[in-house]
Amino acid sequence: MKEPCKKKAFLFLLLYRWLTLTNVVILNLTGAKRIALLPFALVLIYNVALSSFPGQVYEKVRKVPLLLSIDLIFHALILFISGGWASPFFLCGLSPLLTSALLFKFKGAIYSATAYSMLYLLELSGNRFSIAKFVQMKQLDSFISDFVSFFLVAIFFAYPSHLLDQLEESKQEAGLVKQDLEQAYKRLDLAYQLVPLSKREMDVLRLISEGKSNKEIAEALFLSKSTIKTHVSSILKKLNLKSRSEAVAYFYKEENASLN
């Protein structure tokens, strides 16, 4: 599963949402920009709601990607009611882009950045900011940079998301290798328990346990039937057994003991 690392990253993004509010507080305390109480209170309540049920929110959004549109619309609304241009909540508004990139990688990054760009245009228009006004304010470069930043932030965060998926896949592959090594160790342990049988005698015993006759064993091992008969006698003698059925029972007893 690729989820454990991404769940931790999702919690990190929740922390990012909270930390962006420090920028708002600092701007207000220093007098650089006075902040209206309403947008701050809305973001505060929104963050509390998300942080109260992070696991449920993560699973819900992962299963229903369209829920991210609520996040995008909410932050566009916050920008709108906080003045639109040069809003102190601009950094906070990037959080849905990061979330989209985390959960849905490059495709999610492109979709969310495109949708947010359109919402951003609407909220600027609602605050009576036009391209002509930005030219008049000599802020056209900043206006363009905002849109570029939406795509850059989303796309560049999508790459770590891709790396997280690869990390989880590597962990799963390592787990499978570990299982294979454990099985190999158990088989090796079984081989030690079957000493003093030779390797060839162990091969014969294994084929006996599969219900093969001397003729079939001889064909499988490219040996003569008489040689196989000699090996069978040697196996019974070394293991102090009386029949092939006892040899089969002994083999499976030791194998089960090794596996357990």
Protein backbone atom coordinates (compact mmCIF):
# COMPACT_ATOMS: atom_id res chain seq x y z
CA MET A 1 0.00 0.00 0.00
CA LYS A 2 1.11 3.27 -0.92
CA GLU A 3 -0.91 5.02 1.75
CA PRO A 4 1.09 5.22 5.03
CA CYS A 5 3.64 7.73 3.71
CA LYS A 6 0.98 9.79 1.96
CA LYS A 7 -1.14 9.91 5.10
CA LYS A 8 1.83 11.36 6.96
CA ALA A 9 2.39 13.87 4.16
CA PHE A 10 -1.30 14.80 4.35
CA LEU A 11 -0.86 15.57 8.06
CA PHE A 12 2.15 17.70 7.14
CA LEU A 13 -0.04 19.67 4.73
CA LEU A 14 -2.54 20.25 7.53
CA LEU A 15 0.33 21.72 9.53
CA TYR A 16 1.16 23.91 6.52
CA ARG A 17 -2.40 25.28 6.57
CA TRP A 18 -1.95 26.29 10.19
CA LEU A 19 1.49 27.79 9.65
CA THR A 20 0.25 30.05 6.84
CA LEU A 21 -1.93 31.77 9.43
CA THR A 22 1.22 32.93 11.20
CA ASN A 23 1.92 35.09 8.14
CA VAL A 24 -1.52 36.64 8.51
CA VAL A 25 -0.98 37.28 12.23
CA ILE A 26 2.46 38.81 11.70
CA LEU A 27 1.19 41.15 8.98
CA ASN A 28 -1.60 42.27 11.27
CA LEU A 29 0.60 42.74 14.37
CA THR A 30 3.22 44.74 12.48
CA GLY A 31 0.58 46.89 10.87
CA ALA A 32 1.76 45.92 7.39
CA LYS A 33 -1.78 44.85 6.51
CA ARG A 34 -4.93 44.99 8.61
CA ILE A 35 -6.83 41.73 8.50
CA ALA A 36 -10.61 41.52 8.59
CA LEU A 37 -11.90 39.19 11.27
CA LEU A 38 -14.32 37.26 9.03
CA PRO A 39 -11.84 35.56 6.64
CA PHE A 40 -9.48 34.78 9.50
CA ALA A 41 -12.30 33.23 11.55
CA LEU A 42 -13.51 31.18 8.55
CA VAL A 43 -10.04 29.78 7.85
CA LEU A 44 -9.58 29.04 11.55
CA ILE A 45 -12.86 27.10 11.75
CA TYR A 46 -12.12 25.31 8.46
CA ASN A 47 -8.67 24.21 9.67
CA VAL A 48 -10.09 23.00 12.99
CA ALA A 49 -12.68 20.91 11.13
CA LEU A 50 -10.04 19.31 8.89
CA SER A 51 -7.62 18.70 11.76
CA SER A 52 -10.30 17.07 13.92
CA PHE A 53 -10.84 14.20 11.47
CA PRO A 54 -7.69 13.99 9.30
CA GLY A 55 -7.95 10.26 8.62
CA GLN A 56 -11.58 10.43 7.53
CA VAL A 57 -10.94 13.52 5.40
CA TYR A 58 -7.98 11.84 3.71
CA GLU A 59 -9.90 8.67 2.86
CA LYS A 60 -12.97 10.58 1.68
CA VAL A 61 -11.04 12.87 -0.65
CA ARG A 62 -8.94 9.98 -1.97
CA LYS A 63 -12.11 8.10 -2.91
CA VAL A 64 -14.05 11.15 -4.17
CA PRO A 65 -11.55 13.52 -5.85
CA LEU A 66 -14.28 16.04 -6.69
CA LEU A 67 -14.43 16.94 -3.00
CA LEU A 68 -11.21 18.87 -3.59
CA SER A 69 -13.29 21.39 -5.54
CA ILE A 70 -14.80 22.43 -2.20
CA ASP A 71 -11.31 23.18 -0.92
CA LEU A 72 -10.46 25.19 -4.04
CA ILE A 73 -13.69 27.19 -3.92
CA PHE A 74 -13.35 27.88 -0.20
CA HIS A 75 -9.85 29.34 -0.56
CA ALA A 76 -10.85 31.37 -3.62
CA LEU A 77 -13.71 32.77 -1.53
CA ILE A 78 -11.28 33.67 1.27
CA LEU A 79 -9.13 35.56 -1.24
CA PHE A 80 -12.24 37.33 -2.52
CA ILE A 81 -13.46 38.58 0.87
CA SER A 82 -9.94 39.52 1.97
CA GLY A 83 -9.41 41.96 -0.87
CA GLY A 84 -8.43 39.71 -3.75
CA TRP A 85 -5.16 41.20 -4.91
CA ALA A 86 -2.16 40.75 -2.58
CA SER A 87 -4.33 38.96 -0.03
CA PRO A 88 -2.52 37.90 3.17
CA PHE A 89 -4.20 34.53 2.70
CA PHE A 90 -2.42 33.89 -0.62
CA LEU A 91 -0.07 31.26 0.88
CA CYS A 92 -3.02 29.55 2.54
CA GLY A 93 -4.70 29.40 -0.85
CA LEU A 94 -1.92 27.18 -2.18
CA SER A 95 -2.81 24.35 0.22
CA PRO A 96 -5.54 22.76 -1.97
CA LEU A 97 -3.05 22.67 -4.86
CA LEU A 98 -0.55 20.82 -2.69
CA THR A 99 -3.23 18.40 -1.52
CA SER A 100 -4.31 17.65 -5.09
CA ALA A 101 -0.73 17.02 -6.13
CA LEU A 102 -0.15 14.75 -3.13
CA LEU A 103 -3.19 12.56 -3.71
CA PHE A 104 -3.36 12.51 -7.51
CA LYS A 105 0.16 13.41 -8.61
CA PHE A 106 0.71 15.24 -11.91
CA LYS A 107 -2.82 14.87 -13.21
CA GLY A 108 -4.26 16.25 -9.98
CA ALA A 109 -1.71 19.07 -10.01
CA ILE A 110 -2.66 20.21 -13.53
CA TYR A 111 -6.43 19.97 -12.91
CA SER A 112 -6.33 21.80 -9.58
CA ALA A 113 -3.98 24.54 -10.81
CA THR A 114 -6.20 25.13 -13.85
CA ALA A 115 -9.39 25.24 -11.77
CA TYR A 116 -7.82 27.52 -9.16
CA SER A 117 -6.55 29.88 -11.86
CA MET A 118 -10.09 30.29 -13.15
CA LEU A 119 -11.44 30.87 -9.65
CA TYR A 120 -8.66 33.38 -9.03
CA LEU A 121 -9.66 35.32 -12.14
CA LEU A 122 -13.27 35.37 -10.95
CA GLU A 123 -12.41 36.65 -7.48
CA LEU A 124 -10.13 39.34 -8.94
CA SER A 125 -12.90 40.38 -11.28
CA GLY A 126 -15.31 40.47 -8.33
CA ASN A 127 -12.92 42.87 -6.61
CA ARG A 128 -12.73 45.00 -9.78
CA PHE A 129 -9.22 44.07 -10.72
CA SER A 130 -8.68 43.94 -14.47
CA ILE A 131 -5.59 43.49 -16.61
CA ALA A 132 -5.79 47.16 -17.48
CA LYS A 133 -5.75 48.05 -13.81
CA PHE A 134 -2.70 45.86 -13.18
CA VAL A 135 -0.94 47.61 -16.06
CA GLN A 136 -1.89 50.94 -14.56
CA MET A 137 -0.60 49.79 -11.14
CA LYS A 138 2.58 48.51 -12.81
CA GLN A 139 1.84 45.09 -11.27
CA LEU A 140 1.28 43.06 -14.42
CA ASP A 141 4.41 41.01 -13.73
CA SER A 142 3.11 40.08 -10.26
CA PHE A 143 -0.29 39.25 -11.73
CA ILE A 144 1.28 36.84 -14.23
CA SER A 145 3.60 35.40 -11.58
CA ASP A 146 0.63 34.43 -9.43
CA PHE A 147 -0.77 32.18 -12.16
CA VAL A 148 2.63 30.71 -12.93
CA SER A 149 3.13 29.96 -9.21
CA PHE A 150 -0.12 27.96 -9.09
CA PHE A 151 1.20 25.53 -11.70
CA LEU A 152 4.80 25.48 -10.49
CA VAL A 153 3.87 24.76 -6.87
CA ALA A 154 1.37 22.04 -7.82
CA ILE A 155 3.56 20.31 -10.40
CA PHE A 156 6.74 20.38 -8.33
CA PHE A 157 4.91 18.96 -5.31
CA ALA A 158 3.50 16.19 -7.52
CA TYR A 159 7.00 14.81 -8.03
CA PRO A 160 7.59 14.03 -4.31
CA SER A 161 4.17 12.38 -4.38
CA HIS A 162 5.41 10.18 -7.23
CA LEU A 163 8.52 9.36 -5.19
CA LEU A 164 6.36 8.37 -2.22
CA ASP A 165 4.54 5.88 -4.43
CA GLN A 166 7.85 4.40 -5.55
CA LEU A 167 9.01 4.21 -1.93
CA GLU A 168 5.92 2.28 -0.92
CA GLU A 169 6.34 -0.08 -3.88
CA SER A 170 9.96 -0.68 -2.87
CA LYS A 171 8.87 -1.44 0.69
CA GLN A 172 6.33 -3.97 -0.60
CA GLU A 173 8.95 -5.61 -2.83
CA ALA A 174 11.36 -5.74 0.11
CA GLY A 175 8.64 -7.44 2.15
CA LEU A 176 8.18 -10.09 -0.56
CA VAL A 177 11.93 -10.67 -0.74
CA LYS A 178 11.99 -11.08 3.04
CA GLN A 179 9.25 -13.70 2.81
CA ASP A 180 11.16 -15.55 0.10
CA LEU A 181 14.32 -15.49 2.23
CA GLU A 182 12.39 -16.81 5.22
CA GLN A 183 11.01 -19.68 3.13
CA ALA A 184 14.49 -20.41 1.77
CA TYR A 185 15.87 -20.44 5.32
CA LYS A 186 13.15 -22.88 6.40
CA ARG A 187 13.94 -25.16 3.48
CA LEU A 188 17.64 -24.96 4.36
CA ASP A 189 16.80 -25.76 7.96
CA LEU A 190 14.84 -28.77 6.77
CA ALA A 191 17.84 -29.89 4.74
CA TYR A 192 20.03 -29.75 7.86
CA GLN A 193 17.46 -31.78 9.75
CA LEU A 194 17.62 -34.46 7.06
CA VAL A 195 21.37 -34.93 7.49
CA PRO A 196 23.10 -37.42 7.20
CA LEU A 197 21.38 -37.80 3.83
CA SER A 198 23.44 -36.79 0.84
CA LYS A 199 22.11 -34.19 -1.59
CA ARG A 200 21.14 -36.91 -4.05
CA GLU A 201 19.37 -38.89 -1.32
CA MET A 202 17.50 -35.75 -0.29
CA ASP A 203 16.39 -35.29 -3.92
CA VAL A 204 15.16 -38.88 -3.97
CA LEU A 205 13.33 -38.44 -0.65
CA ARG A 206 11.62 -35.31 -1.93
CA LEU A 207 10.41 -37.14 -5.02
CA ILE A 208 9.27 -40.07 -2.90
CA SER A 209 7.20 -37.62 -0.85
CA GLU A 210 5.54 -36.51 -4.11
CA GLY A 211 4.37 -40.08 -4.64
CA LYS A 212 6.69 -40.91 -7.51
CA SER A 213 7.76 -44.47 -8.22
CA ASN A 214 11.40 -45.59 -8.56
CA LYS A 215 11.03 -45.51 -12.33
CA GLU A 216 9.67 -41.95 -12.29
CA ILE A 217 12.40 -40.82 -9.90
CA ALA A 218 15.04 -42.40 -12.13
CA GLU A 219 13.69 -40.52 -15.14
CA ALA A 220 13.51 -37.23 -13.23
CA LEU A 221 17.10 -37.51 -11.96
CA PHE A 222 18.51 -39.18 -15.09
CA LEU A 223 19.68 -42.20 -13.10
CA SER A 224 19.11 -45.93 -13.47
CA LYS A 225 16.27 -47.62 -11.64
CA SER A 226 18.74 -49.82 -9.73
CA THR A 227 20.64 -46.72 -8.53
CA ILE A 228 17.38 -45.22 -7.23
CA LYS A 229 16.59 -48.49 -5.49
CA THR A 230 19.99 -48.29 -3.77
CA HIS A 231 19.34 -44.69 -2.70
CA VAL A 232 15.93 -45.62 -1.27
CA SER A 233 17.47 -48.44 0.79
CA SER A 234 20.18 -46.08 2.03
CA ILE A 235 17.59 -43.45 3.02
CA LEU A 236 15.53 -45.94 5.00
CA LYS A 237 18.61 -47.25 6.73
CA LYS A 238 20.05 -43.82 7.64
CA LEU A 239 16.72 -42.56 8.96
CA ASN A 240 15.92 -45.84 10.70
CA LEU A 241 12.68 -46.25 8.73
CA LYS A 242 11.01 -49.41 7.44
CA SER A 243 9.04 -48.34 4.37
CA ARG A 244 8.52 -45.65 1.77
CA SER A 245 5.32 -44.56 3.50
CA GLU A 246 7.29 -43.96 6.71
CA ALA A 247 9.82 -41.97 4.66
CA VAL A 248 7.01 -39.79 3.28
CA ALA A 249 5.57 -39.29 6.76
CA TYR A 250 9.03 -38.40 8.10
CA PHE A 251 9.63 -35.89 5.29
CA TYR A 252 6.35 -34.03 5.84
CA LYS A 253 6.77 -34.11 9.62
CA GLU A 254 10.16 -32.45 9.34
CA GLU A 255 8.93 -30.02 6.70
CA ASN A 256 5.96 -28.90 8.83
CA ALA A 257 8.19 -28.56 11.87
CA SER A 258 10.56 -26.38 9.86
CA LEU A 259 7.79 -24.16 8.47
CA ASN A 260 6.27 -23.66 11.88
